[in-house]
Amino acid sequence: MIQHINFNSHQHNGVEQCRRLFHGRGCAYPGLEHVSIDWLPPVAVITLYKEESHDWLQPIAQRLIDKLPDCRSVQVQYRCRPMAPFELLLGDEVSALVVEAAGLKFNVQLGHSQNIGLFLDMANGWQWVREHARGKRVLNLFAYTCAFSVAAIAGGASHVVNVDMSKSALSKGRENHRLNRQDTKQVSFQGVDIFKSFSRLKKHGPYDLLICDPPAFQKGSVDIKRDYKKIVRRIPEWMNPGSQVMLCLNSPDLAEEFLFQTVKEECPQCQFVDTIQPPDAFVETTPGKGLKVLVFSYTG
């Protein structure tokens, strides 16, 4: 698999950007569907969705150390094990770091939870928001650590309302804004259940840009196949005529057609504008399996 790793440097204003080096999950490399590798300077992270031996991992770790400039640590995350633990393979023990993606800075935590605080397949989405946010009031649903909010403020948004059930994730989002030297007076953080807070969200509007990036499934709170329509049908209550709506879908079991059909049934005033593709590294051999991001215009 080593020959398939993309070691080419990606920089923004001379700063090395974090990125995916190998995307076995896209099924483009037979027998390696259980492996992903990310570069989070100065750390390379191998993610396993199926067990592999140390004898199998060590040559890959050594190659990463040898080929990546400034690589100080190679770690493996076992997503195939309970709690998805991390383990150091080579180099230094590094757990907290600041990385740059799409020209923005983000805090990353390795080994504290299953997710590190950033989803690299959304980098083109952050860039799109940054390019389309100027002067707009933004509603960011399922905000997590507020990457879209950081991108929106960087692009000149007048205000962003971040909504997520996890107050700890929103707290990290506040730190991401500060990391980018952004004025948090332009940002609201609502640690509430979206599906129980529709009226509260309306009070903060109306909005000019909606970003909805839900998990596919979250026990006890979100089943996106069942729940996405509840959000889409609220668009007329929340949004200004002429506003933009970015709908994201992370489920490998649901294709773009699910979003198109949901919009057609629940908010036909939304007209399709564009598809935002993930970065090239996230190649998928089966259409519709990876991240889907569609942009609509709400005509009012």
C-alpha atoms as a PDB file:
ATOM      1  CA  MET A   1       0.000   0.000   0.000  1.00  0.00           C
ATOM      2  CA  ILE A   2       2.970   2.326   0.546  1.00  0.00           C
ATOM      3  CA  GLN A   3       3.165   3.162  -3.175  1.00  0.00           C
ATOM      4  CA  HIS A   4      -0.377   4.547  -3.029  1.00  0.00           C
ATOM      5  CA  ILE A   5       0.302   7.109  -0.271  1.00  0.00           C
ATOM      6  CA  ASN A   6       0.309  10.707  -1.536  1.00  0.00           C
ATOM      7  CA  PHE A   7       3.309  12.399   0.065  1.00  0.00           C
ATOM      8  CA  ASN A   8       3.071  15.572  -2.039  1.00  0.00           C
ATOM      9  CA  SER A   9       3.213  18.750   0.012  1.00  0.00           C
ATOM     10  CA  HIS A  10       0.097  20.955   0.254  1.00  0.00           C
ATOM     11  CA  GLN A  11       0.771  24.473   1.518  1.00  0.00           C
ATOM     12  CA  HIS A  12      -1.176  27.666   2.086  1.00  0.00           C
ATOM     13  CA  ASN A  13       0.938  30.819   2.389  1.00  0.00           C
ATOM     14  CA  GLY A  14       3.919  28.592   3.136  1.00  0.00           C
ATOM     15  CA  VAL A  15       2.136  26.633   5.901  1.00  0.00           C
ATOM     16  CA  GLU A  16       1.751  22.867   5.541  1.00  0.00           C
ATOM     17  CA  GLN A  17      -1.947  21.941   5.429  1.00  0.00           C
ATOM     18  CA  CYS A  18      -3.386  18.867   7.116  1.00  0.00           C
ATOM     19  CA  ARG A  19      -4.883  16.390   4.666  1.00  0.00           C
ATOM     20  CA  ARG A  20      -5.723  12.773   3.905  1.00  0.00           C
ATOM     21  CA  LEU A  21      -2.773  10.812   2.528  1.00  0.00           C
ATOM     22  CA  PHE A  22      -4.525   7.502   1.863  1.00  0.00           C
ATOM     23  CA  HIS A  23      -8.239   6.745   1.638  1.00  0.00           C
ATOM     24  CA  GLY A  24      -8.722   3.006   1.626  1.00  0.00           C
ATOM     25  CA  ARG A  25     -12.313   3.493   2.760  1.00  0.00           C
ATOM     26  CA  GLY A  26     -13.188   4.587  -0.740  1.00  0.00           C
ATOM     27  CA  CYS A  27     -12.559   1.017  -1.959  1.00  0.00           C
ATOM     28  CA  ALA A  28     -10.134   2.137  -4.678  1.00  0.00           C
ATOM     29  CA  TYR A  29      -7.425  -0.147  -3.270  1.00  0.00           C
ATOM     30  CA  PRO A  30      -8.626  -3.768  -2.970  1.00  0.00           C
ATOM     31  CA  GLY A  31      -7.797  -5.352   0.364  1.00  0.00           C
ATOM     32  CA  LEU A  32      -7.129  -1.984   2.028  1.00  0.00           C
ATOM     33  CA  GLU A  33     -10.706  -0.825   2.565  1.00  0.00           C
ATOM     34  CA  HIS A  34     -10.077  -0.808   6.327  1.00  0.00           C
ATOM     35  CA  VAL A  35      -7.208   1.713   6.264  1.00  0.00           C
ATOM     36  CA  SER A  36      -6.987   5.500   6.180  1.00  0.00           C
ATOM     37  CA  ILE A  37      -3.949   7.715   6.781  1.00  0.00           C
ATOM     38  CA  ASP A  38      -4.072  11.411   7.690  1.00  0.00           C
ATOM     39  CA  TRP A  39      -1.314  14.008   7.942  1.00  0.00           C
ATOM     40  CA  LEU A  40      -1.860  16.343  10.878  1.00  0.00           C
ATOM     41  CA  PRO A  41       1.503  18.113  10.996  1.00  0.00           C
ATOM     42  CA  PRO A  42       3.645  17.032  12.756  1.00  0.00           C
ATOM     43  CA  VAL A  43       1.674  13.770  13.289  1.00  0.00           C
ATOM     44  CA  ALA A  44       0.717  11.017  10.846  1.00  0.00           C
ATOM     45  CA  VAL A  45      -2.313   8.985  11.945  1.00  0.00           C
ATOM     46  CA  ILE A  46      -3.106   5.537  10.567  1.00  0.00           C
ATOM     47  CA  THR A  47      -6.746   4.636  11.186  1.00  0.00           C
ATOM     48  CA  LEU A  48      -7.719   0.952  11.188  1.00  0.00           C
ATOM     49  CA  TYR A  49     -11.262  -0.358  10.878  1.00  0.00           C
ATOM     50  CA  LYS A  50      -9.953  -3.943  11.060  1.00  0.00           C
ATOM     51  CA  GLU A  51      -7.080  -5.328  13.118  1.00  0.00           C
ATOM     52  CA  GLU A  52      -3.573  -5.450  11.674  1.00  0.00           C
ATOM     53  CA  SER A  53      -0.339  -6.646  13.311  1.00  0.00           C
ATOM     54  CA  HIS A  54       2.551  -4.439  14.396  1.00  0.00           C
ATOM     55  CA  ASP A  55       4.704  -6.205  11.791  1.00  0.00           C
ATOM     56  CA  TRP A  56       2.282  -4.906   9.148  1.00  0.00           C
ATOM     57  CA  LEU A  57       2.126  -1.395  10.624  1.00  0.00           C
ATOM     58  CA  GLN A  58       5.811  -0.732  11.289  1.00  0.00           C
ATOM     59  CA  PRO A  59       7.078  -0.473   7.658  1.00  0.00           C
ATOM     60  CA  ILE A  60       4.250   1.974   6.901  1.00  0.00           C
ATOM     61  CA  ALA A  61       5.081   4.026   9.991  1.00  0.00           C
ATOM     62  CA  GLN A  62       8.773   4.122   9.047  1.00  0.00           C
ATOM     63  CA  ARG A  63       7.965   5.230   5.504  1.00  0.00           C
ATOM     64  CA  LEU A  64       5.782   8.041   6.854  1.00  0.00           C
ATOM     65  CA  ILE A  65       8.587   9.223   9.142  1.00  0.00           C
ATOM     66  CA  ASP A  66      11.069   9.088   6.263  1.00  0.00           C
ATOM     67  CA  LYS A  67       8.949  10.828   3.619  1.00  0.00           C
ATOM     68  CA  LEU A  68       6.944  13.474   5.481  1.00  0.00           C
ATOM     69  CA  PRO A  69       8.780  16.706   6.259  1.00  0.00           C
ATOM     70  CA  ASP A  70       8.808  17.503   9.962  1.00  0.00           C
ATOM     71  CA  CYS A  71       6.983  14.299  10.940  1.00  0.00           C
ATOM     72  CA  ARG A  72       7.629  13.788  14.653  1.00  0.00           C
ATOM     73  CA  SER A  73       5.056  11.132  15.471  1.00  0.00           C
ATOM     74  CA  VAL A  74       3.245   8.222  13.806  1.00  0.00           C
ATOM     75  CA  GLN A  75       0.204   6.921  15.652  1.00  0.00           C
ATOM     76  CA  VAL A  76      -2.486   4.355  14.959  1.00  0.00           C
ATOM     77  CA  GLN A  77      -6.131   4.664  15.926  1.00  0.00           C
ATOM     78  CA  TYR A  78      -8.017   1.392  16.268  1.00  0.00           C
ATOM     79  CA  ARG A  79     -11.542   2.272  15.196  1.00  0.00           C
ATOM     80  CA  CYS A  80     -12.129  -1.479  15.229  1.00  0.00           C
ATOM     81  CA  ARG A  81     -11.782  -1.566  19.046  1.00  0.00           C
ATOM     82  CA  PRO A  82     -14.098  -0.244  21.764  1.00  0.00           C
ATOM     83  CA  MET A  83     -13.500   3.469  22.483  1.00  0.00           C
ATOM     84  CA  ALA A  84     -11.275   3.716  19.343  1.00  0.00           C
ATOM     85  CA  PRO A  85      -7.953   3.987  21.246  1.00  0.00           C
ATOM     86  CA  PHE A  86      -4.734   5.542  19.907  1.00  0.00           C
ATOM     87  CA  GLU A  87      -1.282   3.955  20.117  1.00  0.00           C
ATOM     88  CA  LEU A  88       2.148   5.433  19.391  1.00  0.00           C
ATOM     89  CA  LEU A  89       4.089   3.562  16.698  1.00  0.00           C
ATOM     90  CA  LEU A  90       7.132   5.784  16.144  1.00  0.00           C
ATOM     91  CA  GLY A  91       8.425   9.117  17.399  1.00  0.00           C
ATOM     92  CA  ASP A  92       7.061  11.394  20.108  1.00  0.00           C
ATOM     93  CA  GLU A  93       3.862  11.167  22.129  1.00  0.00           C
ATOM     94  CA  VAL A  94       1.709  14.019  20.840  1.00  0.00           C
ATOM     95  CA  SER A  95      -1.937  14.436  21.841  1.00  0.00           C
ATOM     96  CA  ALA A  96      -2.847  18.122  21.504  1.00  0.00           C
ATOM     97  CA  LEU A  97      -1.918  20.128  18.434  1.00  0.00           C
ATOM     98  CA  VAL A  98      -2.976  22.975  16.184  1.00  0.00           C
ATOM     99  CA  VAL A  99      -3.364  22.186  12.485  1.00  0.00           C
ATOM    100  CA  GLU A 100      -4.214  24.278   9.449  1.00  0.00           C
ATOM    101  CA  ALA A 101      -6.808  23.329   6.825  1.00  0.00           C
ATOM    102  CA  ALA A 102      -8.247  25.485   4.042  1.00  0.00           C
ATOM    103  CA  GLY A 103      -6.054  28.271   5.395  1.00  0.00           C
ATOM    104  CA  LEU A 104      -7.716  28.157   8.838  1.00  0.00           C
ATOM    105  CA  LYS A 105      -6.398  26.956  12.184  1.00  0.00           C
ATOM    106  CA  PHE A 106      -8.036  24.261  14.306  1.00  0.00           C
ATOM    107  CA  ASN A 107      -7.356  22.529  17.599  1.00  0.00           C
ATOM    108  CA  VAL A 108      -7.021  18.748  17.361  1.00  0.00           C
ATOM    109  CA  GLN A 109      -7.021  16.213  20.196  1.00  0.00           C
ATOM    110  CA  LEU A 110      -5.654  12.713  19.643  1.00  0.00           C
ATOM    111  CA  GLY A 111      -6.666   9.889  21.959  1.00  0.00           C
ATOM    112  CA  HIS A 112      -9.375  11.735  23.899  1.00  0.00           C
ATOM    113  CA  SER A 113     -12.376  10.468  21.944  1.00  0.00           C
ATOM    114  CA  GLN A 114     -13.289   8.660  18.748  1.00  0.00           C
ATOM    115  CA  ASN A 115     -13.244  11.871  16.682  1.00  0.00           C
ATOM    116  CA  ILE A 116     -10.310  14.272  16.742  1.00  0.00           C
ATOM    117  CA  GLY A 117     -12.311  17.498  16.355  1.00  0.00           C
ATOM    118  CA  LEU A 118     -12.087  17.902  12.574  1.00  0.00           C
ATOM    119  CA  PHE A 119     -13.429  16.066   9.500  1.00  0.00           C
ATOM    120  CA  LEU A 120     -10.963  16.538   6.652  1.00  0.00           C
ATOM    121  CA  ASP A 121     -13.386  15.497   3.907  1.00  0.00           C
ATOM    122  CA  MET A 122     -15.245  18.780   4.488  1.00  0.00           C
ATOM    123  CA  ALA A 123     -12.316  21.055   3.562  1.00  0.00           C
ATOM    124  CA  ASN A 124     -13.881  22.120   0.237  1.00  0.00           C
ATOM    125  CA  GLY A 125     -17.103  22.900   2.074  1.00  0.00           C
ATOM    126  CA  TRP A 126     -15.264  25.212   4.460  1.00  0.00           C
ATOM    127  CA  GLN A 127     -13.660  26.961   1.508  1.00  0.00           C
ATOM    128  CA  TRP A 128     -17.036  27.403  -0.217  1.00  0.00           C
ATOM    129  CA  VAL A 129     -18.555  28.932   2.928  1.00  0.00           C
ATOM    130  CA  ARG A 130     -15.613  31.276   3.301  1.00  0.00           C
ATOM    131  CA  GLU A 131     -16.135  32.464  -0.275  1.00  0.00           C
ATOM    132  CA  HIS A 132     -19.912  32.968   0.084  1.00  0.00           C
ATOM    133  CA  ALA A 133     -20.400  34.270   3.642  1.00  0.00           C
ATOM    134  CA  ARG A 134     -19.657  37.991   3.316  1.00  0.00           C
ATOM    135  CA  GLY A 135     -22.254  40.112   5.090  1.00  0.00           C
ATOM    136  CA  LYS A 136     -24.489  37.131   5.797  1.00  0.00           C
ATOM    137  CA  ARG A 137     -26.207  35.908   8.930  1.00  0.00           C
ATOM    138  CA  VAL A 138     -25.441  32.193   9.184  1.00  0.00           C
ATOM    139  CA  LEU A 139     -27.211  29.298  10.920  1.00  0.00           C
ATOM    140  CA  ASN A 140     -24.838  26.368  11.501  1.00  0.00           C
ATOM    141  CA  LEU A 141     -26.697  23.221  12.582  1.00  0.00           C
ATOM    142  CA  PHE A 142     -24.847  20.267  14.152  1.00  0.00           C
ATOM    143  CA  ALA A 143     -21.935  22.651  14.495  1.00  0.00           C
ATOM    144  CA  TYR A 144     -19.604  20.267  16.408  1.00  0.00           C
ATOM    145  CA  THR A 145     -16.360  22.254  16.904  1.00  0.00           C
ATOM    146  CA  CYS A 146     -17.559  25.080  14.627  1.00  0.00           C
ATOM    147  CA  ALA A 147     -15.265  24.670  11.610  1.00  0.00           C
ATOM    148  CA  PHE A 148     -17.956  26.082   9.307  1.00  0.00           C
ATOM    149  CA  SER A 149     -18.427  29.012  11.672  1.00  0.00           C
ATOM    150  CA  VAL A 150     -14.704  29.778  11.644  1.00  0.00           C
ATOM    151  CA  ALA A 151     -14.795  29.686   7.835  1.00  0.00           C
ATOM    152  CA  ALA A 152     -17.860  31.940   7.720  1.00  0.00           C
ATOM    153  CA  ILE A 153     -16.378  34.605   9.996  1.00  0.00           C
ATOM    154  CA  ALA A 154     -13.121  34.432   8.024  1.00  0.00           C
ATOM    155  CA  GLY A 155     -15.212  35.127   4.926  1.00  0.00           C
ATOM    156  CA  GLY A 156     -16.863  38.208   6.437  1.00  0.00           C
ATOM    157  CA  ALA A 157     -20.137  36.822   7.836  1.00  0.00           C
ATOM    158  CA  SER A 158     -21.974  39.365   9.988  1.00  0.00           C
ATOM    159  CA  HIS A 159     -23.035  36.738  12.563  1.00  0.00           C
ATOM    160  CA  VAL A 160     -23.076  32.955  13.013  1.00  0.00           C
ATOM    161  CA  VAL A 161     -25.401  30.934  15.258  1.00  0.00           C
ATOM    162  CA  ASN A 162     -23.854  27.563  16.092  1.00  0.00           C
ATOM    163  CA  VAL A 163     -26.189  24.828  17.345  1.00  0.00           C
ATOM    164  CA  ASP A 164     -25.134  21.475  18.801  1.00  0.00           C
ATOM    165  CA  MET A 165     -26.235  19.261  21.676  1.00  0.00           C
ATOM    166  CA  SER A 166     -22.633  18.928  22.849  1.00  0.00           C
ATOM    167  CA  LYS A 167     -21.686  21.961  24.910  1.00  0.00           C
ATOM    168  CA  SER A 168     -18.126  20.651  25.188  1.00  0.00           C
ATOM    169  CA  ALA A 169     -17.837  20.580  21.371  1.00  0.00           C
ATOM    170  CA  LEU A 170     -19.143  24.156  21.196  1.00  0.00           C
ATOM    171  CA  SER A 171     -16.605  25.162  23.820  1.00  0.00           C
ATOM    172  CA  LYS A 172     -13.877  23.805  21.556  1.00  0.00           C
ATOM    173  CA  GLY A 173     -15.505  25.729  18.728  1.00  0.00           C
ATOM    174  CA  ARG A 174     -15.166  28.943  20.723  1.00  0.00           C
ATOM    175  CA  GLU A 175     -11.464  28.165  21.121  1.00  0.00           C
ATOM    176  CA  ASN A 176     -11.155  27.596  17.363  1.00  0.00           C
ATOM    177  CA  HIS A 177     -12.535  31.092  16.770  1.00  0.00           C
ATOM    178  CA  ARG A 178     -10.060  32.562  19.222  1.00  0.00           C
ATOM    179  CA  LEU A 179      -7.254  30.564  17.622  1.00  0.00           C
ATOM    180  CA  ASN A 180      -8.032  32.402  14.373  1.00  0.00           C
ATOM    181  CA  ARG A 181      -8.194  35.761  16.205  1.00  0.00           C
ATOM    182  CA  GLN A 182     -11.887  36.173  15.445  1.00  0.00           C
ATOM    183  CA  ASP A 183     -14.283  38.285  17.486  1.00  0.00           C
ATOM    184  CA  THR A 184     -16.633  35.870  19.279  1.00  0.00           C
ATOM    185  CA  LYS A 185     -19.132  38.722  19.718  1.00  0.00           C
ATOM    186  CA  GLN A 186     -20.114  37.869  16.145  1.00  0.00           C
ATOM    187  CA  VAL A 187     -20.838  34.262  17.142  1.00  0.00           C
ATOM    188  CA  SER A 188     -23.601  32.628  19.215  1.00  0.00           C
ATOM    189  CA  PHE A 189     -23.289  29.153  20.742  1.00  0.00           C
ATOM    190  CA  GLN A 190     -26.529  27.275  21.403  1.00  0.00           C
ATOM    191  CA  GLY A 191     -25.991  23.992  23.277  1.00  0.00           C
ATOM    192  CA  VAL A 192     -29.476  22.609  22.654  1.00  0.00           C
ATOM    193  CA  ASP A 193     -31.303  19.752  20.943  1.00  0.00           C
ATOM    194  CA  ILE A 194     -32.093  21.122  17.483  1.00  0.00           C
ATOM    195  CA  PHE A 195     -35.329  19.160  17.206  1.00  0.00           C
ATOM    196  CA  LYS A 196     -36.623  20.656  20.453  1.00  0.00           C
ATOM    197  CA  SER A 197     -35.477  24.212  19.734  1.00  0.00           C
ATOM    198  CA  PHE A 198     -36.975  25.247  16.398  1.00  0.00           C
ATOM    199  CA  SER A 199     -38.701  28.312  17.880  1.00  0.00           C
ATOM    200  CA  ARG A 200     -35.484  29.470  19.573  1.00  0.00           C
ATOM    201  CA  LEU A 201     -33.587  29.222  16.298  1.00  0.00           C
ATOM    202  CA  LYS A 202     -36.268  31.278  14.563  1.00  0.00           C
ATOM    203  CA  LYS A 203     -35.826  34.085  17.116  1.00  0.00           C
ATOM    204  CA  HIS A 204     -32.161  34.448  16.129  1.00  0.00           C
ATOM    205  CA  GLY A 205     -33.067  34.746  12.427  1.00  0.00           C
ATOM    206  CA  PRO A 206     -33.854  35.319   9.714  1.00  0.00           C
ATOM    207  CA  TYR A 207     -30.710  33.922   8.107  1.00  0.00           C
ATOM    208  CA  ASP A 208     -28.979  34.279   4.761  1.00  0.00           C
ATOM    209  CA  LEU A 209     -27.018  31.008   4.828  1.00  0.00           C
ATOM    210  CA  LEU A 210     -27.966  27.674   6.388  1.00  0.00           C
ATOM    211  CA  ILE A 211     -25.396  24.925   6.934  1.00  0.00           C
ATOM    212  CA  CYS A 212     -26.735  21.541   8.019  1.00  0.00           C
ATOM    213  CA  ASP A 213     -24.120  18.826   8.609  1.00  0.00           C
ATOM    214  CA  PRO A 214     -25.784  16.147  10.757  1.00  0.00           C
ATOM    215  CA  PRO A 215     -24.413  12.781  11.852  1.00  0.00           C
ATOM    216  CA  ALA A 216     -26.045   9.898  10.014  1.00  0.00           C
ATOM    217  CA  PHE A 217     -27.108   8.353  13.308  1.00  0.00           C
ATOM    218  CA  GLN A 218     -26.716   9.270  16.952  1.00  0.00           C
ATOM    219  CA  LYS A 219     -28.448   6.993  19.414  1.00  0.00           C
ATOM    220  CA  GLY A 220     -31.271   8.736  21.202  1.00  0.00           C
ATOM    221  CA  SER A 221     -31.046  11.978  19.227  1.00  0.00           C
ATOM    222  CA  VAL A 222     -30.567  11.697  15.453  1.00  0.00           C
ATOM    223  CA  ASP A 223     -31.662   9.261  12.768  1.00  0.00           C
ATOM    224  CA  ILE A 224     -31.070  11.321   9.688  1.00  0.00           C
ATOM    225  CA  LYS A 225     -33.220   9.211   7.372  1.00  0.00           C
ATOM    226  CA  ARG A 226     -36.142   9.973   9.669  1.00  0.00           C
ATOM    227  CA  ASP A 227     -35.173  13.458  10.842  1.00  0.00           C
ATOM    228  CA  TYR A 228     -33.733  15.405   7.904  1.00  0.00           C
ATOM    229  CA  LYS A 229     -37.218  16.317   6.675  1.00  0.00           C
ATOM    230  CA  LYS A 230     -37.970  17.981  10.027  1.00  0.00           C
ATOM    231  CA  ILE A 231     -35.171  20.460   9.358  1.00  0.00           C
ATOM    232  CA  VAL A 232     -35.816  21.040   5.653  1.00  0.00           C
ATOM    233  CA  ARG A 233     -39.488  21.874   6.197  1.00  0.00           C
ATOM    234  CA  ARG A 234     -38.421  24.685   8.597  1.00  0.00           C
ATOM    235  CA  ILE A 235     -36.401  26.516   5.958  1.00  0.00           C
ATOM    236  CA  PRO A 236     -39.232  28.977   5.120  1.00  0.00           C
ATOM    237  CA  GLU A 237     -39.469  29.938   8.811  1.00  0.00           C
ATOM    238  CA  TRP A 238     -35.749  30.550   9.192  1.00  0.00           C
ATOM    239  CA  MET A 239     -34.398  31.861   5.916  1.00  0.00           C
ATOM    240  CA  ASN A 240     -34.585  35.126   3.972  1.00  0.00           C
ATOM    241  CA  PRO A 241     -35.716  34.915   0.332  1.00  0.00           C
ATOM    242  CA  GLY A 242     -32.649  34.501  -1.858  1.00  0.00           C
ATOM    243  CA  SER A 243     -30.673  32.797   0.899  1.00  0.00           C
ATOM    244  CA  GLN A 244     -28.389  29.807   0.367  1.00  0.00           C
ATOM    245  CA  VAL A 245     -28.785  26.374   1.934  1.00  0.00           C
ATOM    246  CA  MET A 246     -25.957  23.846   2.250  1.00  0.00           C
ATOM    247  CA  LEU A 247     -27.204  20.339   3.033  1.00  0.00           C
ATOM    248  CA  CYS A 248     -24.633  17.685   3.945  1.00  0.00           C
ATOM    249  CA  LEU A 249     -25.111  13.918   4.117  1.00  0.00           C
ATOM    250  CA  ASN A 250     -22.576  11.545   5.666  1.00  0.00           C
ATOM    251  CA  SER A 251     -24.473   8.259   5.441  1.00  0.00           C
ATOM    252  CA  PRO A 252     -22.958   5.624   3.085  1.00  0.00           C
ATOM    253  CA  ASP A 253     -26.444   4.094   2.821  1.00  0.00           C
ATOM    254  CA  LEU A 254     -28.142   7.231   1.462  1.00  0.00           C
ATOM    255  CA  ALA A 255     -27.320   8.813  -1.895  1.00  0.00           C
ATOM    256  CA  GLU A 256     -27.765  12.386  -3.126  1.00  0.00           C
ATOM    257  CA  GLU A 257     -31.226  11.454  -4.357  1.00  0.00           C
ATOM    258  CA  PHE A 258     -32.347  11.245  -0.711  1.00  0.00           C
ATOM    259  CA  LEU A 259     -31.568  14.956  -0.280  1.00  0.00           C
ATOM    260  CA  PHE A 260     -33.143  15.939  -3.589  1.00  0.00           C
ATOM    261  CA  GLN A 261     -36.320  14.049  -2.718  1.00  0.00           C
ATOM    262  CA  THR A 262     -36.457  15.483   0.807  1.00  0.00           C
ATOM    263  CA  VAL A 263     -36.138  19.033  -0.527  1.00  0.00           C
ATOM    264  CA  LYS A 264     -38.739  18.390  -3.235  1.00  0.00           C
ATOM    265  CA  GLU A 265     -41.260  17.127  -0.685  1.00  0.00           C
ATOM    266  CA  GLU A 266     -40.576  19.443   2.265  1.00  0.00           C
ATOM    267  CA  CYS A 267     -39.365  22.724   0.713  1.00  0.00           C
ATOM    268  CA  PRO A 268     -39.925  22.941  -3.048  1.00  0.00           C
ATOM    269  CA  GLN A 269     -39.009  26.648  -2.893  1.00  0.00           C
ATOM    270  CA  CYS A 270     -35.380  25.481  -2.762  1.00  0.00           C
ATOM    271  CA  GLN A 271     -33.695  25.293  -6.156  1.00  0.00           C
ATOM    272  CA  PHE A 272     -30.554  23.202  -6.679  1.00  0.00           C
ATOM    273  CA  VAL A 273     -27.424  25.275  -7.341  1.00  0.00           C
ATOM    274  CA  ASP A 274     -24.281  23.172  -7.009  1.00  0.00           C
ATOM    275  CA  THR A 275     -22.545  20.065  -5.662  1.00  0.00           C
ATOM    276  CA  ILE A 276     -19.437  20.504  -3.518  1.00  0.00           C
ATOM    277  CA  GLN A 277     -17.095  17.558  -3.963  1.00  0.00           C
ATOM    278  CA  PRO A 278     -14.738  16.343  -1.211  1.00  0.00           C
ATOM    279  CA  PRO A 279     -10.989  16.821  -1.748  1.00  0.00           C
ATOM    280  CA  ASP A 280      -9.498  14.611  -4.454  1.00  0.00           C
ATOM    281  CA  ALA A 281      -7.864  12.326  -1.877  1.00  0.00           C
ATOM    282  CA  PHE A 282     -11.300  11.073  -0.823  1.00  0.00           C
ATOM    283  CA  VAL A 283     -11.788   9.043  -3.987  1.00  0.00           C
ATOM    284  CA  GLU A 284     -14.828   6.733  -3.964  1.00  0.00           C
ATOM    285  CA  THR A 285     -15.250   3.875  -6.452  1.00  0.00           C
ATOM    286  CA  THR A 286     -18.971   3.561  -5.647  1.00  0.00           C
ATOM    287  CA  PRO A 287     -20.922   6.769  -6.355  1.00  0.00           C
ATOM    288  CA  GLY A 288     -22.928   7.994  -3.385  1.00  0.00           C
ATOM    289  CA  LYS A 289     -20.971   6.190  -0.664  1.00  0.00           C
ATOM    290  CA  GLY A 290     -18.900   9.123   0.541  1.00  0.00           C
ATOM    291  CA  LEU A 291     -19.756  12.598   1.763  1.00  0.00           C
ATOM    292  CA  LYS A 292     -22.507  14.413  -0.149  1.00  0.00           C
ATOM    293  CA  VAL A 293     -22.792  18.220  -0.050  1.00  0.00           C
ATOM    294  CA  LEU A 294     -25.497  20.017  -2.048  1.00  0.00           C
ATOM    295  CA  VAL A 295     -26.164  23.752  -2.255  1.00  0.00           C
ATOM    296  CA  PHE A 296     -29.653  25.152  -2.865  1.00  0.00           C
ATOM    297  CA  SER A 297     -31.093  28.638  -3.232  1.00  0.00           C
ATOM    298  CA  TYR A 298     -34.218  29.385  -1.213  1.00  0.00           C
ATOM    299  CA  THR A 299     -36.435  31.484  -3.458  1.00  0.00           C
ATOM    300  CA  GLY A 300     -39.007  32.316  -0.789  1.00  0.00           C
END
